[in-house]
N, C-alpha and C. Protein backbone atom coordinates (compact mmCIF):
# COMPACT_ATOMS: atom_id res chain seq x y z
N MET A 1 14.53 -61.14 -5.33
CA MET A 1 15.64 -60.48 -4.75
C MET A 1 15.38 -59.02 -4.57
N SER A 2 15.46 -58.53 -3.36
CA SER A 2 15.20 -57.07 -3.15
C SER A 2 16.47 -56.26 -3.44
N ARG A 3 16.19 -55.09 -3.99
CA ARG A 3 17.14 -54.13 -4.35
C ARG A 3 17.43 -53.31 -3.14
N PRO A 4 18.82 -52.93 -3.02
CA PRO A 4 19.18 -52.07 -1.90
C PRO A 4 18.54 -50.62 -2.19
N THR A 5 18.20 -49.96 -1.09
CA THR A 5 17.54 -48.67 -1.17
C THR A 5 18.65 -47.56 -0.89
N LEU A 6 18.28 -46.37 -1.09
CA LEU A 6 19.13 -45.21 -0.70
C LEU A 6 19.36 -45.21 0.73
N GLU A 7 18.31 -45.59 1.56
CA GLU A 7 18.39 -45.55 2.97
C GLU A 7 19.47 -46.66 3.47
N ASP A 8 19.57 -47.73 2.74
CA ASP A 8 20.55 -48.66 3.03
C ASP A 8 22.02 -48.18 2.91
N GLU A 9 22.16 -47.24 2.10
CA GLU A 9 23.51 -46.85 1.60
C GLU A 9 24.03 -45.50 2.19
N PHE A 10 23.08 -44.65 2.61
CA PHE A 10 23.40 -43.18 2.88
C PHE A 10 22.74 -42.81 4.26
N GLU A 11 23.20 -41.80 4.84
CA GLU A 11 22.73 -41.07 5.96
C GLU A 11 21.52 -40.19 5.47
N PRO A 12 20.46 -40.00 6.34
CA PRO A 12 19.27 -39.27 5.87
C PRO A 12 19.65 -37.88 5.40
N GLU A 13 20.62 -37.17 5.92
CA GLU A 13 21.07 -35.88 5.42
C GLU A 13 21.56 -35.90 4.06
N THR A 14 22.25 -37.02 3.64
CA THR A 14 22.84 -37.13 2.39
C THR A 14 21.71 -37.38 1.41
N ILE A 15 20.76 -38.19 1.80
CA ILE A 15 19.64 -38.51 0.93
C ILE A 15 18.91 -37.26 0.62
N ASP A 16 18.67 -36.45 1.64
CA ASP A 16 17.93 -35.18 1.44
C ASP A 16 18.62 -34.30 0.46
N ASP A 17 19.98 -34.16 0.58
CA ASP A 17 20.79 -33.35 -0.35
C ASP A 17 20.77 -33.81 -1.78
N LEU A 18 20.85 -35.18 -1.92
CA LEU A 18 20.77 -35.79 -3.22
C LEU A 18 19.41 -35.64 -3.89
N GLN A 19 18.30 -35.78 -3.12
CA GLN A 19 16.94 -35.64 -3.64
C GLN A 19 16.72 -34.13 -4.11
N SER A 20 17.30 -33.26 -3.27
CA SER A 20 17.15 -31.76 -3.56
C SER A 20 17.90 -31.52 -4.92
N ILE A 21 19.16 -32.01 -4.97
CA ILE A 21 19.92 -31.69 -6.20
C ILE A 21 19.35 -32.35 -7.41
N LEU A 22 18.89 -33.59 -7.27
CA LEU A 22 18.37 -34.25 -8.45
C LEU A 22 16.86 -33.97 -8.80
N SER A 23 16.27 -32.98 -8.00
CA SER A 23 15.01 -32.55 -8.28
C SER A 23 14.97 -31.58 -9.42
N ASN A 24 16.18 -31.10 -9.81
CA ASN A 24 16.33 -30.17 -10.91
C ASN A 24 16.64 -30.86 -12.22
N GLY A 25 15.92 -30.58 -13.27
CA GLY A 25 16.08 -31.33 -14.50
C GLY A 25 17.48 -31.16 -15.11
N TYR A 26 18.14 -30.03 -14.91
CA TYR A 26 19.50 -29.86 -15.48
C TYR A 26 20.50 -30.81 -14.75
N THR A 27 20.39 -30.97 -13.53
CA THR A 27 21.32 -31.81 -12.80
C THR A 27 21.03 -33.29 -13.10
N ARG A 28 19.75 -33.59 -13.32
CA ARG A 28 19.42 -34.94 -13.74
C ARG A 28 19.99 -35.16 -15.03
N GLY A 29 19.99 -34.16 -15.92
CA GLY A 29 20.59 -34.37 -17.19
C GLY A 29 22.08 -34.63 -17.22
N VAL A 30 22.75 -33.95 -16.17
CA VAL A 30 24.27 -34.34 -16.03
C VAL A 30 24.43 -35.73 -15.75
N VAL A 31 23.59 -36.21 -14.73
CA VAL A 31 23.66 -37.57 -14.27
C VAL A 31 23.35 -38.57 -15.37
N ASP A 32 22.39 -38.20 -16.22
CA ASP A 32 22.02 -39.04 -17.42
C ASP A 32 23.14 -39.04 -18.34
N TYR A 33 23.72 -37.95 -18.62
CA TYR A 33 24.82 -37.90 -19.48
C TYR A 33 25.93 -38.95 -19.20
N PHE A 34 26.37 -38.93 -17.92
CA PHE A 34 27.39 -39.85 -17.42
C PHE A 34 26.96 -41.26 -17.37
N HIS A 35 25.67 -41.42 -17.21
CA HIS A 35 25.08 -42.76 -17.25
C HIS A 35 25.22 -43.35 -18.68
N ARG A 36 24.75 -42.60 -19.70
CA ARG A 36 24.64 -43.06 -21.03
C ARG A 36 25.94 -43.03 -21.82
N CYS A 37 26.83 -42.15 -21.46
CA CYS A 37 28.03 -41.95 -22.25
C CYS A 37 29.23 -42.67 -21.56
N THR A 38 30.18 -43.17 -22.31
CA THR A 38 31.32 -43.94 -21.71
C THR A 38 32.32 -42.98 -21.37
N ASP A 39 32.36 -41.76 -21.83
CA ASP A 39 33.29 -40.78 -21.38
C ASP A 39 33.34 -40.47 -19.95
N ASP A 40 34.50 -40.27 -19.31
CA ASP A 40 34.55 -39.91 -17.91
C ASP A 40 34.66 -38.36 -17.78
N VAL A 41 34.95 -37.70 -18.85
CA VAL A 41 35.14 -36.21 -18.86
C VAL A 41 34.26 -35.56 -19.93
N ALA A 42 33.70 -34.48 -19.52
CA ALA A 42 32.89 -33.68 -20.50
C ALA A 42 33.10 -32.18 -20.25
N SER A 43 32.93 -31.47 -21.29
CA SER A 43 33.00 -29.94 -21.12
C SER A 43 31.66 -29.43 -20.70
N LEU A 44 31.68 -28.34 -20.07
CA LEU A 44 30.46 -27.60 -19.70
C LEU A 44 29.47 -27.39 -20.93
N ASP A 45 30.05 -27.01 -22.08
CA ASP A 45 29.20 -26.81 -23.22
C ASP A 45 28.61 -28.12 -23.68
N GLU A 46 29.33 -29.24 -23.59
CA GLU A 46 28.79 -30.54 -24.12
C GLU A 46 27.66 -30.96 -23.26
N LEU A 47 27.82 -30.75 -21.96
CA LEU A 47 26.65 -31.12 -21.05
C LEU A 47 25.49 -30.21 -21.27
N ALA A 48 25.70 -28.95 -21.48
CA ALA A 48 24.54 -28.03 -21.72
C ALA A 48 23.82 -28.40 -23.08
N ASP A 49 24.54 -28.72 -24.04
CA ASP A 49 24.00 -29.06 -25.35
C ASP A 49 23.13 -30.44 -25.13
N TYR A 50 23.75 -31.32 -24.42
CA TYR A 50 23.04 -32.59 -24.12
C TYR A 50 21.76 -32.38 -23.38
N ILE A 51 21.69 -31.51 -22.45
CA ILE A 51 20.52 -31.19 -21.69
C ILE A 51 19.46 -30.59 -22.48
N VAL A 52 19.88 -29.52 -23.32
CA VAL A 52 18.92 -28.88 -24.14
C VAL A 52 18.39 -29.85 -25.25
N ASP A 53 19.22 -30.58 -25.85
CA ASP A 53 18.80 -31.58 -26.91
C ASP A 53 17.93 -32.66 -26.32
N GLY A 54 18.18 -33.03 -25.06
CA GLY A 54 17.35 -34.12 -24.44
C GLY A 54 16.16 -33.56 -23.76
N GLN A 55 15.95 -32.21 -23.70
CA GLN A 55 14.80 -31.62 -23.10
C GLN A 55 14.54 -32.03 -21.68
N PHE A 56 15.59 -31.96 -20.81
CA PHE A 56 15.42 -32.36 -19.45
C PHE A 56 14.69 -31.37 -18.65
N ASP A 57 14.46 -30.25 -19.17
CA ASP A 57 13.63 -29.16 -18.44
C ASP A 57 13.08 -28.31 -19.46
N CYS A 58 11.78 -28.28 -19.55
CA CYS A 58 11.17 -27.52 -20.67
C CYS A 58 11.40 -26.08 -20.61
N ALA A 59 11.84 -25.50 -19.44
CA ALA A 59 12.15 -24.13 -19.29
C ALA A 59 13.51 -23.74 -19.93
N ALA A 60 14.30 -24.78 -20.35
CA ALA A 60 15.60 -24.39 -21.06
C ALA A 60 15.40 -23.85 -22.40
N GLU A 61 15.68 -22.52 -22.51
CA GLU A 61 15.48 -21.86 -23.83
C GLU A 61 16.68 -21.89 -24.67
N SER A 62 17.80 -22.01 -23.98
CA SER A 62 19.15 -22.12 -24.75
C SER A 62 20.20 -22.80 -24.00
N SER A 63 21.23 -23.18 -24.72
CA SER A 63 22.38 -23.78 -23.92
C SER A 63 22.98 -22.72 -23.06
N ARG A 64 22.95 -21.51 -23.36
CA ARG A 64 23.46 -20.50 -22.54
C ARG A 64 22.81 -20.49 -21.12
N ASP A 65 21.41 -20.61 -21.13
CA ASP A 65 20.69 -20.67 -19.86
C ASP A 65 21.18 -21.83 -19.01
N VAL A 66 21.30 -22.97 -19.60
CA VAL A 66 21.77 -24.17 -18.99
C VAL A 66 23.18 -24.04 -18.44
N THR A 67 24.07 -23.52 -19.34
CA THR A 67 25.48 -23.33 -19.01
C THR A 67 25.60 -22.46 -17.74
N ILE A 68 24.90 -21.32 -17.65
CA ILE A 68 24.91 -20.47 -16.52
C ILE A 68 24.47 -21.18 -15.26
N TYR A 69 23.39 -21.89 -15.35
CA TYR A 69 22.92 -22.66 -14.09
C TYR A 69 23.90 -23.56 -13.72
N LEU A 70 24.40 -24.46 -14.62
CA LEU A 70 25.29 -25.53 -14.24
C LEU A 70 26.60 -24.95 -13.65
N HIS A 71 27.13 -23.92 -14.28
CA HIS A 71 28.42 -23.42 -13.77
C HIS A 71 28.22 -22.80 -12.41
N HIS A 72 27.19 -22.09 -12.16
CA HIS A 72 27.01 -21.35 -10.84
C HIS A 72 26.44 -22.22 -9.79
N ALA A 73 25.61 -23.17 -10.16
CA ALA A 73 24.75 -23.87 -9.11
C ALA A 73 24.83 -25.38 -9.20
N GLY A 74 24.44 -25.86 -10.43
CA GLY A 74 24.21 -27.30 -10.54
C GLY A 74 25.54 -28.16 -10.33
N LEU A 75 26.64 -27.78 -11.07
CA LEU A 75 27.85 -28.57 -10.98
C LEU A 75 28.54 -28.36 -9.61
N PRO A 76 28.59 -27.20 -9.08
CA PRO A 76 29.17 -27.14 -7.66
C PRO A 76 28.36 -27.96 -6.72
N ARG A 77 27.04 -28.04 -6.78
CA ARG A 77 26.30 -28.89 -5.87
C ARG A 77 26.56 -30.32 -6.03
N LEU A 78 26.67 -30.75 -7.40
CA LEU A 78 26.97 -32.16 -7.63
C LEU A 78 28.36 -32.51 -7.16
N ALA A 79 29.34 -31.64 -7.27
CA ALA A 79 30.68 -31.86 -6.81
C ALA A 79 30.65 -31.90 -5.29
N ASN A 80 29.91 -31.09 -4.63
CA ASN A 80 29.85 -31.08 -3.12
C ASN A 80 29.38 -32.37 -2.53
N VAL A 81 28.54 -33.11 -3.24
CA VAL A 81 28.14 -34.35 -2.69
C VAL A 81 28.95 -35.60 -3.32
N GLY A 82 29.95 -35.26 -4.08
CA GLY A 82 30.87 -36.28 -4.55
C GLY A 82 30.53 -36.93 -5.86
N LEU A 83 29.48 -36.47 -6.53
CA LEU A 83 29.11 -37.15 -7.79
C LEU A 83 30.05 -36.96 -8.97
N LEU A 84 30.69 -35.74 -8.93
CA LEU A 84 31.70 -35.43 -9.96
C LEU A 84 32.66 -34.46 -9.46
N GLU A 85 33.66 -34.22 -10.32
CA GLU A 85 34.61 -33.04 -10.10
C GLU A 85 34.33 -32.06 -11.07
N TYR A 86 34.35 -30.87 -10.74
CA TYR A 86 34.26 -29.69 -11.59
C TYR A 86 35.29 -28.65 -11.55
N ASP A 87 36.04 -28.45 -12.62
CA ASP A 87 37.10 -27.44 -12.68
C ASP A 87 36.51 -26.21 -13.26
N GLU A 88 36.27 -25.23 -12.48
CA GLU A 88 35.59 -23.95 -12.93
C GLU A 88 36.48 -23.22 -13.95
N ARG A 89 37.81 -23.33 -13.80
CA ARG A 89 38.66 -22.53 -14.82
C ARG A 89 38.60 -23.21 -16.20
N SER A 90 38.76 -24.47 -16.22
CA SER A 90 38.85 -25.14 -17.56
C SER A 90 37.36 -25.57 -18.06
N LYS A 91 36.48 -25.48 -17.14
CA LYS A 91 35.00 -25.77 -17.38
C LYS A 91 34.88 -27.24 -17.85
N HIS A 92 35.67 -28.15 -17.29
CA HIS A 92 35.58 -29.54 -17.55
C HIS A 92 35.04 -30.28 -16.28
N VAL A 93 34.25 -31.24 -16.62
CA VAL A 93 33.53 -32.08 -15.57
C VAL A 93 34.08 -33.56 -15.63
N ARG A 94 34.44 -34.12 -14.52
CA ARG A 94 34.95 -35.50 -14.52
C ARG A 94 34.01 -36.26 -13.60
N ARG A 95 33.53 -37.37 -14.21
CA ARG A 95 32.71 -38.33 -13.55
C ARG A 95 33.51 -38.98 -12.41
N ARG A 96 32.91 -39.24 -11.26
CA ARG A 96 33.55 -39.97 -10.20
C ARG A 96 32.68 -41.12 -9.90
N ASP A 97 33.27 -42.24 -9.43
CA ASP A 97 32.59 -43.46 -9.08
C ASP A 97 31.75 -43.06 -7.77
N HIS A 98 30.51 -43.23 -7.74
CA HIS A 98 29.67 -42.89 -6.71
C HIS A 98 28.47 -43.77 -6.70
N PRO A 99 28.09 -44.28 -5.48
CA PRO A 99 26.99 -45.30 -5.42
C PRO A 99 25.68 -44.73 -6.06
N VAL A 100 25.46 -43.41 -6.03
CA VAL A 100 24.14 -42.99 -6.69
C VAL A 100 24.24 -43.17 -8.20
N LEU A 101 25.36 -42.90 -8.79
CA LEU A 101 25.54 -43.13 -10.27
C LEU A 101 25.39 -44.62 -10.57
N GLU A 102 25.94 -45.42 -9.71
CA GLU A 102 25.89 -46.85 -9.97
C GLU A 102 24.48 -47.33 -9.75
N ALA A 103 23.76 -46.79 -8.76
CA ALA A 103 22.29 -47.13 -8.54
C ALA A 103 21.55 -46.65 -9.72
N SER A 104 21.86 -45.42 -10.27
CA SER A 104 21.07 -44.93 -11.47
C SER A 104 21.33 -45.89 -12.63
N ARG A 105 22.54 -46.32 -12.85
CA ARG A 105 22.77 -47.22 -13.97
C ARG A 105 21.93 -48.48 -13.77
N ALA A 106 22.00 -49.14 -12.47
CA ALA A 106 21.38 -50.34 -12.26
C ALA A 106 19.80 -50.18 -12.42
N PHE A 107 19.32 -49.04 -12.02
CA PHE A 107 17.87 -48.70 -12.12
C PHE A 107 17.49 -48.70 -13.64
N HIS A 108 18.19 -47.98 -14.41
CA HIS A 108 17.92 -47.82 -15.88
C HIS A 108 18.03 -49.18 -16.49
N GLU A 109 19.03 -50.02 -16.13
CA GLU A 109 19.14 -51.28 -16.79
C GLU A 109 18.06 -52.29 -16.35
N SER A 110 17.54 -52.06 -15.13
CA SER A 110 16.48 -52.96 -14.74
C SER A 110 15.14 -52.57 -15.35
N THR A 111 14.93 -51.30 -15.52
CA THR A 111 13.75 -50.80 -16.12
C THR A 111 13.68 -51.10 -17.58
N GLU A 112 14.90 -51.09 -18.22
CA GLU A 112 15.00 -51.55 -19.64
C GLU A 112 14.63 -53.00 -19.73
N CYS A 113 15.10 -53.82 -18.84
CA CYS A 113 14.79 -55.25 -18.89
C CYS A 113 13.25 -55.48 -18.59
N ASP A 114 12.72 -54.71 -17.70
CA ASP A 114 11.26 -54.79 -17.31
C ASP A 114 10.45 -54.46 -18.61
N GLU A 115 10.84 -53.41 -19.28
CA GLU A 115 10.09 -52.99 -20.43
C GLU A 115 10.15 -53.99 -21.59
N ASN A 116 11.26 -54.64 -21.70
CA ASN A 116 11.44 -55.65 -22.80
C ASN A 116 10.92 -56.98 -22.41
N ALA A 117 10.52 -57.23 -21.17
CA ALA A 117 10.04 -58.54 -20.64
C ALA A 117 8.69 -58.93 -21.30
N GLY A 118 7.88 -57.94 -21.70
CA GLY A 118 6.56 -58.23 -22.26
C GLY A 118 6.58 -58.24 -23.71
N VAL A 119 7.76 -57.99 -24.33
CA VAL A 119 7.78 -58.01 -25.78
C VAL A 119 8.04 -59.35 -26.34
N ALA A 120 7.16 -59.71 -27.31
CA ALA A 120 7.29 -61.07 -27.87
C ALA A 120 8.14 -61.10 -29.13
């Protein structure tokens, strides 16, 4: 069974935007957080700590660095493509249902299955 591709789901411009946004380790960390956690809402500080602890980008020296990037660039970009909602005043992030997040979840589940397939 073939898996649907991004090209099957989105316009080329949207794919380019998503690839650009997800090329950053910090924004990938946000997507990973909502993939792995059952919570639909997180604070900016929770996300920054998760990213630093998970070492999504070796350049992250502190949660403060990550917080600044996410607040000014990463979260607004993720919100613009509809992956999440970001309230700048309360600094809370809400996960939205989005095909990319669902595709990420399906990809992670399939690779976990593939990795476990050879285990006796």
